[in-house]
Amino acid sequence: MQLVEMRAYVERRGWPIFAEYVDTGWSGSKAERPQFNKLMAAARKRQFDIIVCWKVDRFGRSVANFVQHLQNLESWGVRFLVTTQAIDTDNQNPSSKLLMQILSAVAEFERAMIIERVRAGMKAAKRRGVHCGRKRVIVDATKIRALHLRGKSINQIATAMKLSHSVVQRTLERAA
């Protein structure tokens, strides 16, 4: 839905689309996201003039990161526009910058509230005896050590025993 609306907006303005950067499965709270990193690298190289975003919280939820990214975009001469919130850094109106910072702070607050609710829910579930998180992995440390002593690599042991590389490595470190 967001992409469809932004494509329509850009088409109405008669602007060409350089690329679409979508980080599926990544939290907006993360400063480092694969597609976001590509977007900022392209902006730094001035491969386009404007970034069109659906909402501020799609760009990022940390006030500090958001402000830093906006300062970078401004220094690179790249305009930032949020279609659903009437924000446009090209407009030298100080109220637009104030609104961006307020919306960014609200997005960060919203994320903090979500985290607080999730933690409270997990705590309540634990009190009821519900297991939260991944299931425990049963590890045969003796077999791992034996394979390692026979010259098998950590990756070979992990594959043979259907374990992760890190589980095998931690088991060997504990045995040392």
C-alpha atoms as a PDB file:
ATOM      1  CA  MET A   1       0.000   0.000   0.000  1.00  0.00           C
ATOM      2  CA  GLN A   2       2.778   2.432   0.932  1.00  0.00           C
ATOM      3  CA  LEU A   3       4.695   1.838  -2.294  1.00  0.00           C
ATOM      4  CA  VAL A   4       1.548   2.195  -4.420  1.00  0.00           C
ATOM      5  CA  GLU A   5       0.693   5.527  -2.778  1.00  0.00           C
ATOM      6  CA  MET A   6       4.241   6.874  -3.130  1.00  0.00           C
ATOM      7  CA  ARG A   7       4.482   5.767  -6.780  1.00  0.00           C
ATOM      8  CA  ALA A   8       1.214   7.583  -7.497  1.00  0.00           C
ATOM      9  CA  TYR A   9       2.476  10.709  -5.699  1.00  0.00           C
ATOM     10  CA  VAL A  10       5.751  10.708  -7.643  1.00  0.00           C
ATOM     11  CA  GLU A  11       3.894  10.101 -10.926  1.00  0.00           C
ATOM     12  CA  ARG A  12       1.549  13.055 -10.257  1.00  0.00           C
ATOM     13  CA  ARG A  13       4.614  15.259  -9.740  1.00  0.00           C
ATOM     14  CA  GLY A  14       6.178  13.972 -12.974  1.00  0.00           C
ATOM     15  CA  TRP A  15       9.334  12.792 -11.228  1.00  0.00           C
ATOM     16  CA  PRO A  16      11.324   9.766 -12.400  1.00  0.00           C
ATOM     17  CA  ILE A  17      11.927   6.983  -9.876  1.00  0.00           C
ATOM     18  CA  PHE A  18      15.626   6.263  -9.446  1.00  0.00           C
ATOM     19  CA  ALA A  19      15.098   3.239  -7.143  1.00  0.00           C
ATOM     20  CA  GLU A  20      12.910   1.892  -4.373  1.00  0.00           C
ATOM     21  CA  TYR A  21      14.577   0.963  -1.089  1.00  0.00           C
ATOM     22  CA  VAL A  22      12.519  -1.384   1.067  1.00  0.00           C
ATOM     23  CA  ASP A  23      13.927  -3.131   4.148  1.00  0.00           C
ATOM     24  CA  THR A  24      11.516  -6.026   4.613  1.00  0.00           C
ATOM     25  CA  GLY A  25      11.831  -7.712   7.967  1.00  0.00           C
ATOM     26  CA  TRP A  26      14.046  -5.034   9.511  1.00  0.00           C
ATOM     27  CA  SER A  27      13.059  -2.762  12.353  1.00  0.00           C
ATOM     28  CA  GLY A  28      13.068   0.971  11.706  1.00  0.00           C
ATOM     29  CA  SER A  29      14.837   1.367  15.018  1.00  0.00           C
ATOM     30  CA  LYS A  30      18.009  -0.156  13.598  1.00  0.00           C
ATOM     31  CA  ALA A  31      20.517   2.409  12.385  1.00  0.00           C
ATOM     32  CA  GLU A  32      22.038  -0.146  10.017  1.00  0.00           C
ATOM     33  CA  ARG A  33      19.609  -1.761   7.560  1.00  0.00           C
ATOM     34  CA  PRO A  34      20.716  -3.152   4.176  1.00  0.00           C
ATOM     35  CA  GLN A  35      18.413  -1.139   1.908  1.00  0.00           C
ATOM     36  CA  PHE A  36      18.626   1.962   4.078  1.00  0.00           C
ATOM     37  CA  ASN A  37      22.424   1.795   3.840  1.00  0.00           C
ATOM     38  CA  LYS A  38      22.154   1.581   0.032  1.00  0.00           C
ATOM     39  CA  LEU A  39      19.765   4.567   0.030  1.00  0.00           C
ATOM     40  CA  MET A  40      22.144   6.689   2.078  1.00  0.00           C
ATOM     41  CA  ALA A  41      25.152   5.645  -0.052  1.00  0.00           C
ATOM     42  CA  ALA A  42      23.282   6.653  -3.215  1.00  0.00           C
ATOM     43  CA  ALA A  43      22.258   9.948  -1.572  1.00  0.00           C
ATOM     44  CA  ARG A  44      25.878  10.620  -0.581  1.00  0.00           C
ATOM     45  CA  LYS A  45      26.884  10.103  -4.237  1.00  0.00           C
ATOM     46  CA  ARG A  46      24.057  12.489  -5.220  1.00  0.00           C
ATOM     47  CA  GLN A  47      22.501   9.885  -7.528  1.00  0.00           C
ATOM     48  CA  PHE A  48      19.105  11.533  -6.957  1.00  0.00           C
ATOM     49  CA  ASP A  49      17.746  14.855  -5.709  1.00  0.00           C
ATOM     50  CA  ILE A  50      14.973  13.793  -3.348  1.00  0.00           C
ATOM     51  CA  ILE A  51      13.960  10.992  -1.019  1.00  0.00           C
ATOM     52  CA  VAL A  52      10.229  10.407  -0.854  1.00  0.00           C
ATOM     53  CA  CYS A  53       9.080   8.600   2.260  1.00  0.00           C
ATOM     54  CA  TRP A  54       5.589   7.472   3.277  1.00  0.00           C
ATOM     55  CA  LYS A  55       5.900   8.316   7.005  1.00  0.00           C
ATOM     56  CA  VAL A  56       8.736   9.488   9.229  1.00  0.00           C
ATOM     57  CA  ASP A  57       8.735   6.217  11.178  1.00  0.00           C
ATOM     58  CA  ARG A  58       9.424   4.305   7.938  1.00  0.00           C
ATOM     59  CA  PHE A  59      12.710   6.227   7.699  1.00  0.00           C
ATOM     60  CA  GLY A  60      13.731   5.647  11.312  1.00  0.00           C
ATOM     61  CA  ARG A  61      12.477   5.632  14.871  1.00  0.00           C
ATOM     62  CA  SER A  62      15.445   6.996  16.758  1.00  0.00           C
ATOM     63  CA  VAL A  63      15.450  10.768  17.130  1.00  0.00           C
ATOM     64  CA  ALA A  64      19.240  10.928  17.190  1.00  0.00           C
ATOM     65  CA  ASN A  65      19.624   8.823  14.036  1.00  0.00           C
ATOM     66  CA  PHE A  66      16.796  10.623  12.264  1.00  0.00           C
ATOM     67  CA  VAL A  67      18.268  14.057  12.937  1.00  0.00           C
ATOM     68  CA  GLN A  68      21.761  12.889  11.921  1.00  0.00           C
ATOM     69  CA  HIS A  69      20.435  11.417   8.668  1.00  0.00           C
ATOM     70  CA  LEU A  70      18.539  14.625   7.869  1.00  0.00           C
ATOM     71  CA  GLN A  71      21.679  16.669   8.489  1.00  0.00           C
ATOM     72  CA  ASN A  72      23.601  14.355   6.153  1.00  0.00           C
ATOM     73  CA  LEU A  73      20.946  14.669   3.457  1.00  0.00           C
ATOM     74  CA  GLU A  74      20.951  18.446   3.798  1.00  0.00           C
ATOM     75  CA  SER A  75      24.754  18.583   3.496  1.00  0.00           C
ATOM     76  CA  TRP A  76      24.598  16.370   0.383  1.00  0.00           C
ATOM     77  CA  GLY A  77      21.888  18.567  -1.153  1.00  0.00           C
ATOM     78  CA  VAL A  78      19.225  15.851  -1.081  1.00  0.00           C
ATOM     79  CA  ARG A  79      15.674  16.876  -0.283  1.00  0.00           C
ATOM     80  CA  PHE A  80      13.559  14.769   2.116  1.00  0.00           C
ATOM     81  CA  LEU A  81       9.805  14.600   1.650  1.00  0.00           C
ATOM     82  CA  VAL A  82       7.193  12.685   3.660  1.00  0.00           C
ATOM     83  CA  THR A  83       4.020  12.318   1.623  1.00  0.00           C
ATOM     84  CA  THR A  84       1.503  11.555   4.404  1.00  0.00           C
ATOM     85  CA  GLN A  85       2.755  14.131   6.905  1.00  0.00           C
ATOM     86  CA  ALA A  86       3.305  17.236   4.750  1.00  0.00           C
ATOM     87  CA  ILE A  87       7.013  17.387   5.519  1.00  0.00           C
ATOM     88  CA  ASP A  88       9.423  18.767   2.957  1.00  0.00           C
ATOM     89  CA  THR A  89      12.969  19.879   3.744  1.00  0.00           C
ATOM     90  CA  ASP A  90      13.029  21.909   0.528  1.00  0.00           C
ATOM     91  CA  ASN A  91      10.590  24.271   2.166  1.00  0.00           C
ATOM     92  CA  GLN A  92      12.651  26.718   4.224  1.00  0.00           C
ATOM     93  CA  ASN A  93       9.755  26.958   6.651  1.00  0.00           C
ATOM     94  CA  PRO A  94      11.096  26.375  10.206  1.00  0.00           C
ATOM     95  CA  SER A  95       7.793  24.763  11.238  1.00  0.00           C
ATOM     96  CA  SER A  96       8.486  21.896   8.804  1.00  0.00           C
ATOM     97  CA  LYS A  97      11.765  21.106  10.588  1.00  0.00           C
ATOM     98  CA  LEU A  98      10.051  21.350  13.992  1.00  0.00           C
ATOM     99  CA  LEU A  99       7.295  19.002  12.845  1.00  0.00           C
ATOM    100  CA  MET A 100       9.871  16.463  11.609  1.00  0.00           C
ATOM    101  CA  GLN A 101      11.619  16.421  14.964  1.00  0.00           C
ATOM    102  CA  ILE A 102       8.332  16.109  16.857  1.00  0.00           C
ATOM    103  CA  LEU A 103       7.165  13.224  14.649  1.00  0.00           C
ATOM    104  CA  SER A 104      10.523  11.522  15.034  1.00  0.00           C
ATOM    105  CA  ALA A 105      10.292  11.836  18.834  1.00  0.00           C
ATOM    106  CA  VAL A 106       6.754  10.430  18.768  1.00  0.00           C
ATOM    107  CA  ALA A 107       7.939   7.474  16.653  1.00  0.00           C
ATOM    108  CA  GLU A 108      10.752   6.773  19.148  1.00  0.00           C
ATOM    109  CA  PHE A 109       8.280   7.022  22.050  1.00  0.00           C
ATOM    110  CA  GLU A 110       5.914   4.639  20.260  1.00  0.00           C
ATOM    111  CA  ARG A 111       8.714   2.109  19.809  1.00  0.00           C
ATOM    112  CA  ALA A 112       9.656   2.380  23.495  1.00  0.00           C
ATOM    113  CA  MET A 113       6.016   1.758  24.446  1.00  0.00           C
ATOM    114  CA  ILE A 114       5.892  -1.339  22.221  1.00  0.00           C
ATOM    115  CA  ILE A 115       9.067  -2.675  23.837  1.00  0.00           C
ATOM    116  CA  GLU A 116       7.651  -2.001  27.303  1.00  0.00           C
ATOM    117  CA  ARG A 117       4.398  -3.842  26.469  1.00  0.00           C
ATOM    118  CA  VAL A 118       6.271  -6.815  24.983  1.00  0.00           C
ATOM    119  CA  ARG A 119       8.517  -7.101  28.041  1.00  0.00           C
ATOM    120  CA  ALA A 120       5.506  -6.886  30.381  1.00  0.00           C
ATOM    121  CA  GLY A 121       3.731  -9.570  28.344  1.00  0.00           C
ATOM    122  CA  MET A 122       6.771 -11.856  28.448  1.00  0.00           C
ATOM    123  CA  LYS A 123       7.113 -11.343  32.202  1.00  0.00           C
ATOM    124  CA  ALA A 124       3.431 -12.228  32.709  1.00  0.00           C
ATOM    125  CA  ALA A 125       3.806 -15.286  30.472  1.00  0.00           C
ATOM    126  CA  LYS A 126       6.827 -16.480  32.454  1.00  0.00           C
ATOM    127  CA  ARG A 127       4.845 -16.111  35.692  1.00  0.00           C
ATOM    128  CA  ARG A 128       2.210 -18.392  34.128  1.00  0.00           C
ATOM    129  CA  GLY A 129       4.941 -20.903  33.297  1.00  0.00           C
ATOM    130  CA  VAL A 130       5.014 -20.248  29.561  1.00  0.00           C
ATOM    131  CA  HIS A 131       8.442 -20.627  27.961  1.00  0.00           C
ATOM    132  CA  CYS A 132       9.517 -17.537  26.010  1.00  0.00           C
ATOM    133  CA  GLY A 133      12.204 -17.669  23.364  1.00  0.00           C
ATOM    134  CA  ARG A 134      13.792 -20.461  21.409  1.00  0.00           C
ATOM    135  CA  LYS A 135      13.669 -24.065  22.475  1.00  0.00           C
ATOM    136  CA  ARG A 136      16.811 -25.295  24.179  1.00  0.00           C
ATOM    137  CA  VAL A 137      19.201 -27.167  21.949  1.00  0.00           C
ATOM    138  CA  ILE A 138      20.334 -30.510  23.298  1.00  0.00           C
ATOM    139  CA  VAL A 139      24.061 -30.804  22.656  1.00  0.00           C
ATOM    140  CA  ASP A 140      26.189 -33.930  22.887  1.00  0.00           C
ATOM    141  CA  ALA A 141      29.410 -32.261  24.022  1.00  0.00           C
ATOM    142  CA  THR A 142      31.293 -35.567  24.112  1.00  0.00           C
ATOM    143  CA  LYS A 143      30.511 -36.264  20.453  1.00  0.00           C
ATOM    144  CA  ILE A 144      31.468 -32.705  19.454  1.00  0.00           C
ATOM    145  CA  ARG A 145      34.829 -33.007  21.233  1.00  0.00           C
ATOM    146  CA  ALA A 146      35.438 -36.430  19.695  1.00  0.00           C
ATOM    147  CA  LEU A 147      34.759 -35.137  16.171  1.00  0.00           C
ATOM    148  CA  HIS A 148      36.989 -32.145  16.815  1.00  0.00           C
ATOM    149  CA  LEU A 149      39.824 -34.372  18.052  1.00  0.00           C
ATOM    150  CA  ARG A 150      39.480 -36.395  14.839  1.00  0.00           C
ATOM    151  CA  GLY A 151      40.311 -33.220  12.916  1.00  0.00           C
ATOM    152  CA  LYS A 152      36.814 -32.166  11.851  1.00  0.00           C
ATOM    153  CA  SER A 153      36.290 -28.421  11.433  1.00  0.00           C
ATOM    154  CA  ILE A 154      33.653 -26.525  13.367  1.00  0.00           C
ATOM    155  CA  ASN A 155      31.578 -26.168  10.179  1.00  0.00           C
ATOM    156  CA  GLN A 156      31.816 -29.894   9.447  1.00  0.00           C
ATOM    157  CA  ILE A 157      30.767 -30.747  13.016  1.00  0.00           C
ATOM    158  CA  ALA A 158      27.883 -28.254  12.872  1.00  0.00           C
ATOM    159  CA  THR A 159      26.642 -29.724   9.595  1.00  0.00           C
ATOM    160  CA  ALA A 160      26.983 -33.325  10.779  1.00  0.00           C
ATOM    161  CA  MET A 161      25.186 -32.681  14.064  1.00  0.00           C
ATOM    162  CA  LYS A 162      22.650 -30.183  12.642  1.00  0.00           C
ATOM    163  CA  LEU A 163      23.796 -27.455  15.011  1.00  0.00           C
ATOM    164  CA  SER A 164      24.811 -23.868  14.456  1.00  0.00           C
ATOM    165  CA  HIS A 165      28.457 -22.900  14.103  1.00  0.00           C
ATOM    166  CA  SER A 166      28.247 -20.824  17.295  1.00  0.00           C
ATOM    167  CA  VAL A 167      26.802 -23.700  19.393  1.00  0.00           C
ATOM    168  CA  VAL A 168      29.661 -25.971  18.323  1.00  0.00           C
ATOM    169  CA  GLN A 169      32.240 -23.257  18.955  1.00  0.00           C
ATOM    170  CA  ARG A 170      30.859 -22.446  22.435  1.00  0.00           C
ATOM    171  CA  THR A 171      30.777 -26.140  23.338  1.00  0.00           C
ATOM    172  CA  LEU A 172      34.425 -26.554  22.343  1.00  0.00           C
ATOM    173  CA  GLU A 173      35.418 -23.391  24.248  1.00  0.00           C
ATOM    174  CA  ARG A 174      33.725 -24.657  27.406  1.00  0.00           C
ATOM    175  CA  ALA A 175      35.561 -27.968  27.069  1.00  0.00           C
ATOM    176  CA  ALA A 176      38.946 -26.294  26.791  1.00  0.00           C
END
